[in-house]
Amino acid sequence: MGESKRRKEALGEKYGQESTILPWLPITKSQGERFAKLTNRGTWLGIILLIVYWVTIRFIGPAFGWWQVD
């Protein structure tokens, strides 16, 4: 008997299903990875938007005479 068949018999109904991060938490490992990837992208988007906002307030607005920065 091969390793795959032994594993299938040992796991029973759970064979082929993805494992969870913690036994009591119904989140799979791939869902956790997707969440981490999404939050990473969101963080970089926030950083870029903050930089654009700062450049606008500090340089673009005063250059066009919209307001003054002391």
PDB file of N, CA and C in Angstrom:
ATOM      1  N   MET A   1       0.849  -1.173   0.000  1.00  0.00           N
ATOM      2  CA  MET A   1       0.000   0.000   0.000  1.00  0.00           C
ATOM      3  C   MET A   1       0.897   1.240   0.000  1.00  0.00           C
ATOM      4  N   GLY A   2       0.530   2.219  -0.801  1.00  0.00           N
ATOM      5  CA  GLY A   2       1.325   3.434  -0.900  1.00  0.00           C
ATOM      6  C   GLY A   2       1.013   4.432   0.203  1.00  0.00           C
ATOM      7  N   GLU A   3       1.875   5.431   0.293  1.00  0.00           N
ATOM      8  CA  GLU A   3       1.727   6.462   1.324  1.00  0.00           C
ATOM      9  C   GLU A   3       0.410   7.219   1.160  1.00  0.00           C
ATOM     10  N   SER A   4       0.026   7.472  -0.066  1.00  0.00           N
ATOM     11  CA  SER A   4      -1.217   8.205  -0.316  1.00  0.00           C
ATOM     12  C   SER A   4      -2.429   7.440   0.214  1.00  0.00           C
ATOM     13  N   LYS A   5      -2.442   6.149  -0.009  1.00  0.00           N
ATOM     14  CA  LYS A   5      -3.576   5.341   0.474  1.00  0.00           C
ATOM     15  C   LYS A   5      -3.589   5.287   1.998  1.00  0.00           C
ATOM     16  N   ARG A   6      -2.414   5.180   2.607  1.00  0.00           N
ATOM     17  CA  ARG A   6      -2.344   5.171   4.070  1.00  0.00           C
ATOM     18  C   ARG A   6      -2.857   6.497   4.635  1.00  0.00           C
ATOM     19  N   ARG A   7      -2.441   7.589   4.022  1.00  0.00           N
ATOM     20  CA  ARG A   7      -2.876   8.903   4.477  1.00  0.00           C
ATOM     21  C   ARG A   7      -4.382   9.048   4.320  1.00  0.00           C
ATOM     22  N   LYS A   8      -4.901   8.548   3.207  1.00  0.00           N
ATOM     23  CA  LYS A   8      -6.338   8.645   2.956  1.00  0.00           C
ATOM     24  C   LYS A   8      -7.116   7.854   4.002  1.00  0.00           C
ATOM     25  N   GLU A   9      -6.628   6.686   4.361  1.00  0.00           N
ATOM     26  CA  GLU A   9      -7.311   5.889   5.377  1.00  0.00           C
ATOM     27  C   GLU A   9      -7.200   6.540   6.757  1.00  0.00           C
ATOM     28  N   ALA A  10      -6.065   7.130   7.057  1.00  0.00           N
ATOM     29  CA  ALA A  10      -5.859   7.747   8.370  1.00  0.00           C
ATOM     30  C   ALA A  10      -6.712   9.001   8.539  1.00  0.00           C
ATOM     31  N   LEU A  11      -6.800   9.810   7.496  1.00  0.00           N
ATOM     32  CA  LEU A  11      -7.548  11.055   7.593  1.00  0.00           C
ATOM     33  C   LEU A  11      -9.042  10.862   7.395  1.00  0.00           C
ATOM     34  N   GLY A  12      -9.414   9.860   6.656  1.00  0.00           N
ATOM     35  CA  GLY A  12     -10.829   9.600   6.434  1.00  0.00           C
ATOM     36  C   GLY A  12     -11.495  10.684   5.618  1.00  0.00           C
ATOM     37  N   GLU A  13     -12.511  11.331   6.204  1.00  0.00           N
ATOM     38  CA  GLU A  13     -13.284  12.342   5.490  1.00  0.00           C
ATOM     39  C   GLU A  13     -12.509  13.641   5.276  1.00  0.00           C
ATOM     40  N   LYS A  14     -11.488  13.889   6.081  1.00  0.00           N
ATOM     41  CA  LYS A  14     -10.713  15.118   5.968  1.00  0.00           C
ATOM     42  C   LYS A  14      -9.639  15.035   4.888  1.00  0.00           C
ATOM     43  N   TYR A  15      -9.529  13.918   4.205  1.00  0.00           N
ATOM     44  CA  TYR A  15      -8.515  13.753   3.169  1.00  0.00           C
ATOM     45  C   TYR A  15      -8.790  14.711   2.007  1.00  0.00           C
ATOM     46  N   GLY A  16      -7.783  15.455   1.604  1.00  0.00           N
ATOM     47  CA  GLY A  16      -7.922  16.382   0.487  1.00  0.00           C
ATOM     48  C   GLY A  16      -8.428  17.753   0.890  1.00  0.00           C
ATOM     49  N   GLN A  17      -8.837  17.922   2.146  1.00  0.00           N
ATOM     50  CA  GLN A  17      -9.295  19.226   2.606  1.00  0.00           C
ATOM     51  C   GLN A  17      -8.113  20.001   3.168  1.00  0.00           C
ATOM     52  N   GLU A  18      -8.192  21.283   3.041  1.00  0.00           N
ATOM     53  CA  GLU A  18      -7.119  22.143   3.501  1.00  0.00           C
ATOM     54  C   GLU A  18      -7.140  22.250   5.024  1.00  0.00           C
ATOM     55  N   SER A  19      -5.959  22.316   5.626  1.00  0.00           N
ATOM     56  CA  SER A  19      -5.891  22.415   7.078  1.00  0.00           C
ATOM     57  C   SER A  19      -6.122  23.860   7.526  1.00  0.00           C
ATOM     58  N   THR A  20      -6.552  23.990   8.774  1.00  0.00           N
ATOM     59  CA  THR A  20      -6.825  25.314   9.317  1.00  0.00           C
ATOM     60  C   THR A  20      -5.591  25.852  10.034  1.00  0.00           C
ATOM     61  N   ILE A  21      -5.577  27.152  10.280  1.00  0.00           N
ATOM     62  CA  ILE A  21      -4.456  27.779  10.982  1.00  0.00           C
ATOM     63  C   ILE A  21      -4.415  27.279  12.428  1.00  0.00           C
ATOM     64  N   LEU A  22      -5.527  27.364  13.101  1.00  0.00           N
ATOM     65  CA  LEU A  22      -5.670  26.859  14.460  1.00  0.00           C
ATOM     66  C   LEU A  22      -6.872  25.922  14.488  1.00  0.00           C
ATOM     67  N   PRO A  23      -6.841  24.894  15.310  1.00  0.00           N
ATOM     68  CA  PRO A  23      -7.963  23.942  15.334  1.00  0.00           C
ATOM     69  C   PRO A  23      -9.310  24.577  15.653  1.00  0.00           C
ATOM     70  N   TRP A  24      -9.315  25.597  16.494  1.00  0.00           N
ATOM     71  CA  TRP A  24     -10.567  26.217  16.903  1.00  0.00           C
ATOM     72  C   TRP A  24     -10.958  27.405  16.028  1.00  0.00           C
ATOM     73  N   LEU A  25     -10.119  27.778  15.043  1.00  0.00           N
ATOM     74  CA  LEU A  25     -10.375  28.916  14.173  1.00  0.00           C
ATOM     75  C   LEU A  25     -10.675  28.418  12.759  1.00  0.00           C
ATOM     76  N   PRO A  26     -11.877  28.654  12.245  1.00  0.00           N
ATOM     77  CA  PRO A  26     -12.249  28.087  10.936  1.00  0.00           C
ATOM     78  C   PRO A  26     -11.694  28.872   9.742  1.00  0.00           C
ATOM     79  N   ILE A  27     -10.405  29.194   9.779  1.00  0.00           N
ATOM     80  CA  ILE A  27      -9.764  29.906   8.670  1.00  0.00           C
ATOM     81  C   ILE A  27      -8.650  29.019   8.131  1.00  0.00           C
ATOM     82  N   THR A  28      -8.674  28.776   6.834  1.00  0.00           N
ATOM     83  CA  THR A  28      -7.656  27.922   6.241  1.00  0.00           C
ATOM     84  C   THR A  28      -6.371  28.705   6.005  1.00  0.00           C
ATOM     85  N   LYS A  29      -5.306  27.980   5.715  1.00  0.00           N
ATOM     86  CA  LYS A  29      -4.010  28.623   5.510  1.00  0.00           C
ATOM     87  C   LYS A  29      -4.019  29.499   4.263  1.00  0.00           C
ATOM     88  N   SER A  30      -4.681  29.082   3.210  1.00  0.00           N
ATOM     89  CA  SER A  30      -4.725  29.904   1.995  1.00  0.00           C
ATOM     90  C   SER A  30      -5.545  31.172   2.222  1.00  0.00           C
ATOM     91  N   GLN A  31      -6.596  31.100   3.028  1.00  0.00           N
ATOM     92  CA  GLN A  31      -7.367  32.299   3.362  1.00  0.00           C
ATOM     93  C   GLN A  31      -6.514  33.270   4.172  1.00  0.00           C
ATOM     94  N   GLY A  32      -5.688  32.748   5.068  1.00  0.00           N
ATOM     95  CA  GLY A  32      -4.788  33.593   5.843  1.00  0.00           C
ATOM     96  C   GLY A  32      -3.754  34.269   4.957  1.00  0.00           C
ATOM     97  N   GLU A  33      -3.234  33.530   3.979  1.00  0.00           N
ATOM     98  CA  GLU A  33      -2.257  34.111   3.051  1.00  0.00           C
ATOM     99  C   GLU A  33      -2.891  35.200   2.198  1.00  0.00           C
ATOM    100  N   ARG A  34      -4.125  34.964   1.725  1.00  0.00           N
ATOM    101  CA  ARG A  34      -4.823  35.989   0.938  1.00  0.00           C
ATOM    102  C   ARG A  34      -5.081  37.241   1.769  1.00  0.00           C
ATOM    103  N   PHE A  35      -5.454  37.070   3.037  1.00  0.00           N
ATOM    104  CA  PHE A  35      -5.683  38.208   3.921  1.00  0.00           C
ATOM    105  C   PHE A  35      -4.390  39.003   4.119  1.00  0.00           C
ATOM    106  N   ALA A  36      -3.287  38.301   4.319  1.00  0.00           N
ATOM    107  CA  ALA A  36      -2.002  38.978   4.495  1.00  0.00           C
ATOM    108  C   ALA A  36      -1.618  39.742   3.239  1.00  0.00           C
ATOM    109  N   LYS A  37      -1.844  39.146   2.069  1.00  0.00           N
ATOM    110  CA  LYS A  37      -1.519  39.815   0.811  1.00  0.00           C
ATOM    111  C   LYS A  37      -2.395  41.055   0.619  1.00  0.00           C
ATOM    112  N   LEU A  38      -3.675  40.948   0.942  1.00  0.00           N
ATOM    113  CA  LEU A  38      -4.597  42.069   0.798  1.00  0.00           C
ATOM    114  C   LEU A  38      -4.230  43.217   1.738  1.00  0.00           C
ATOM    115  N   THR A  39      -3.921  42.904   2.994  1.00  0.00           N
ATOM    116  CA  THR A  39      -3.560  43.960   3.935  1.00  0.00           C
ATOM    117  C   THR A  39      -2.228  44.599   3.566  1.00  0.00           C
ATOM    118  N   ASN A  40      -1.320  43.814   3.005  1.00  0.00           N
ATOM    119  CA  ASN A  40      -0.039  44.367   2.560  1.00  0.00           C
ATOM    120  C   ASN A  40      -0.259  45.372   1.433  1.00  0.00           C
ATOM    121  N   ARG A  41      -1.091  45.027   0.465  1.00  0.00           N
ATOM    122  CA  ARG A  41      -1.405  45.953  -0.626  1.00  0.00           C
ATOM    123  C   ARG A  41      -2.123  47.194  -0.116  1.00  0.00           C
ATOM    124  N   GLY A  42      -3.044  47.002   0.808  1.00  0.00           N
ATOM    125  CA  GLY A  42      -3.762  48.140   1.384  1.00  0.00           C
ATOM    126  C   GLY A  42      -2.839  49.087   2.128  1.00  0.00           C
ATOM    127  N   THR A  43      -1.859  48.521   2.823  1.00  0.00           N
ATOM    128  CA  THR A  43      -0.892  49.348   3.541  1.00  0.00           C
ATOM    129  C   THR A  43      -0.071  50.174   2.573  1.00  0.00           C
ATOM    130  N   TRP A  44       0.421  49.557   1.507  1.00  0.00           N
ATOM    131  CA  TRP A  44       1.203  50.303   0.519  1.00  0.00           C
ATOM    132  C   TRP A  44       0.359  51.370  -0.163  1.00  0.00           C
ATOM    133  N   LEU A  45      -0.893  51.075  -0.431  1.00  0.00           N
ATOM    134  CA  LEU A  45      -1.785  52.077  -1.014  1.00  0.00           C
ATOM    135  C   LEU A  45      -1.950  53.267  -0.069  1.00  0.00           C
ATOM    136  N   GLY A  46      -2.116  52.995   1.220  1.00  0.00           N
ATOM    137  CA  GLY A  46      -2.237  54.064   2.200  1.00  0.00           C
ATOM    138  C   GLY A  46      -0.978  54.912   2.275  1.00  0.00           C
ATOM    139  N   ILE A  47       0.183  54.282   2.223  1.00  0.00           N
ATOM    140  CA  ILE A  47       1.441  55.027   2.258  1.00  0.00           C
ATOM    141  C   ILE A  47       1.565  55.929   1.034  1.00  0.00           C
ATOM    142  N   ILE A  48       1.237  55.392  -0.131  1.00  0.00           N
ATOM    143  CA  ILE A  48       1.320  56.178  -1.370  1.00  0.00           C
ATOM    144  C   ILE A  48       0.344  57.354  -1.330  1.00  0.00           C
ATOM    145  N   LEU A  49      -0.882  57.121  -0.872  1.00  0.00           N
ATOM    146  CA  LEU A  49      -1.854  58.208  -0.769  1.00  0.00           C
ATOM    147  C   LEU A  49      -1.407  59.275   0.227  1.00  0.00           C
ATOM    148  N   LEU A  50      -0.788  58.868   1.330  1.00  0.00           N
ATOM    149  CA  LEU A  50      -0.281  59.824   2.305  1.00  0.00           C
ATOM    150  C   LEU A  50       0.824  60.682   1.696  1.00  0.00           C
ATOM    151  N   ILE A  51       1.702  60.083   0.916  1.00  0.00           N
ATOM    152  CA  ILE A  51       2.778  60.832   0.270  1.00  0.00           C
ATOM    153  C   ILE A  51       2.211  61.822  -0.740  1.00  0.00           C
ATOM    154  N   VAL A  52       1.236  61.388  -1.537  1.00  0.00           N
ATOM    155  CA  VAL A  52       0.611  62.279  -2.514  1.00  0.00           C
ATOM    156  C   VAL A  52      -0.083  63.438  -1.804  1.00  0.00           C
ATOM    157  N   TYR A  53      -0.769  63.157  -0.721  1.00  0.00           N
ATOM    158  CA  TYR A  53      -1.440  64.200   0.054  1.00  0.00           C
ATOM    159  C   TYR A  53      -0.420  65.193   0.596  1.00  0.00           C
ATOM    160  N   TRP A  54       0.675  64.697   1.160  1.00  0.00           N
ATOM    161  CA  TRP A  54       1.701  65.568   1.728  1.00  0.00           C
ATOM    162  C   TRP A  54       2.346  66.447   0.647  1.00  0.00           C
ATOM    163  N   VAL A  55       2.658  65.858  -0.498  1.00  0.00           N
ATOM    164  CA  VAL A  55       3.259  66.632  -1.591  1.00  0.00           C
ATOM    165  C   VAL A  55       2.293  67.714  -2.063  1.00  0.00           C
ATOM    166  N   THR A  56       1.015  67.376  -2.140  1.00  0.00           N
ATOM    167  CA  THR A  56       0.008  68.361  -2.553  1.00  0.00           C
ATOM    168  C   THR A  56      -0.072  69.515  -1.561  1.00  0.00           C
ATOM    169  N   ILE A  57      -0.157  69.190  -0.282  1.00  0.00           N
ATOM    170  CA  ILE A  57      -0.261  70.226   0.749  1.00  0.00           C
ATOM    171  C   ILE A  57       1.011  71.070   0.819  1.00  0.00           C
ATOM    172  N   ARG A  58       2.163  70.418   0.747  1.00  0.00           N
ATOM    173  CA  ARG A  58       3.431  71.116   0.979  1.00  0.00           C
ATOM    174  C   ARG A  58       3.940  71.873  -0.239  1.00  0.00           C
ATOM    175  N   PHE A  59       3.768  71.313  -1.451  1.00  0.00           N
ATOM    176  CA  PHE A  59       4.397  71.911  -2.624  1.00  0.00           C
ATOM    177  C   PHE A  59       3.418  72.391  -3.697  1.00  0.00           C
ATOM    178  N   ILE A  60       2.451  71.578  -4.068  1.00  0.00           N
ATOM    179  CA  ILE A  60       1.580  71.902  -5.199  1.00  0.00           C
ATOM    180  C   ILE A  60       0.647  73.071  -4.869  1.00  0.00           C
ATOM    181  N   GLY A  61      -0.029  73.019  -3.720  1.00  0.00           N
ATOM    182  CA  GLY A  61      -0.941  74.094  -3.335  1.00  0.00           C
ATOM    183  C   GLY A  61      -0.267  75.446  -3.250  1.00  0.00           C
ATOM    184  N   PRO A  62       0.842  75.572  -2.516  1.00  0.00           N
ATOM    185  CA  PRO A  62       1.526  76.867  -2.457  1.00  0.00           C
ATOM    186  C   PRO A  62       2.072  77.322  -3.816  1.00  0.00           C
ATOM    187  N   ALA A  63       2.505  76.401  -4.664  1.00  0.00           N
ATOM    188  CA  ALA A  63       3.037  76.772  -5.976  1.00  0.00           C
ATOM    189  C   ALA A  63       1.962  77.407  -6.844  1.00  0.00           C
ATOM    190  N   PHE A  64       0.723  76.951  -6.736  1.00  0.00           N
ATOM    191  CA  PHE A  64      -0.372  77.515  -7.515  1.00  0.00           C
ATOM    192  C   PHE A  64      -1.065  78.677  -6.797  1.00  0.00           C
ATOM    193  N   GLY A  65      -0.616  78.984  -5.594  1.00  0.00           N
ATOM    194  CA  GLY A  65      -1.192  80.093  -4.851  1.00  0.00           C
ATOM    195  C   GLY A  65      -2.516  79.753  -4.202  1.00  0.00           C
ATOM    196  N   TRP A  66      -2.816  78.481  -4.005  1.00  0.00           N
ATOM    197  CA  TRP A  66      -4.072  78.083  -3.376  1.00  0.00           C
ATOM    198  C   TRP A  66      -4.056  78.397  -1.886  1.00  0.00           C
ATOM    199  N   TRP A  67      -2.900  78.279  -1.228  1.00  0.00           N
ATOM    200  CA  TRP A  67      -2.723  78.594   0.180  1.00  0.00           C
ATOM    201  C   TRP A  67      -1.248  78.798   0.467  1.00  0.00           C
ATOM    202  N   GLN A  68      -0.963  79.215   1.686  1.00  0.00           N
ATOM    203  CA  GLN A  68       0.424  79.451   2.087  1.00  0.00           C
ATOM    204  C   GLN A  68       0.790  78.514   3.219  1.00  0.00           C
ATOM    205  N   VAL A  69       1.995  77.998   3.146  1.00  0.00           N
ATOM    206  CA  VAL A  69       2.510  77.154   4.219  1.00  0.00           C
ATOM    207  C   VAL A  69       3.666  77.913   4.863  1.00  0.00           C
ATOM    208  N   ASP A  70       3.548  78.189   6.136  1.00  0.00           N
ATOM    209  CA  ASP A  70       4.597  78.955   6.829  1.00  0.00           C
ATOM    210  C   ASP A  70       5.696  78.058   7.319  1.00  0.00           C
TER     211      ASP A  70
END
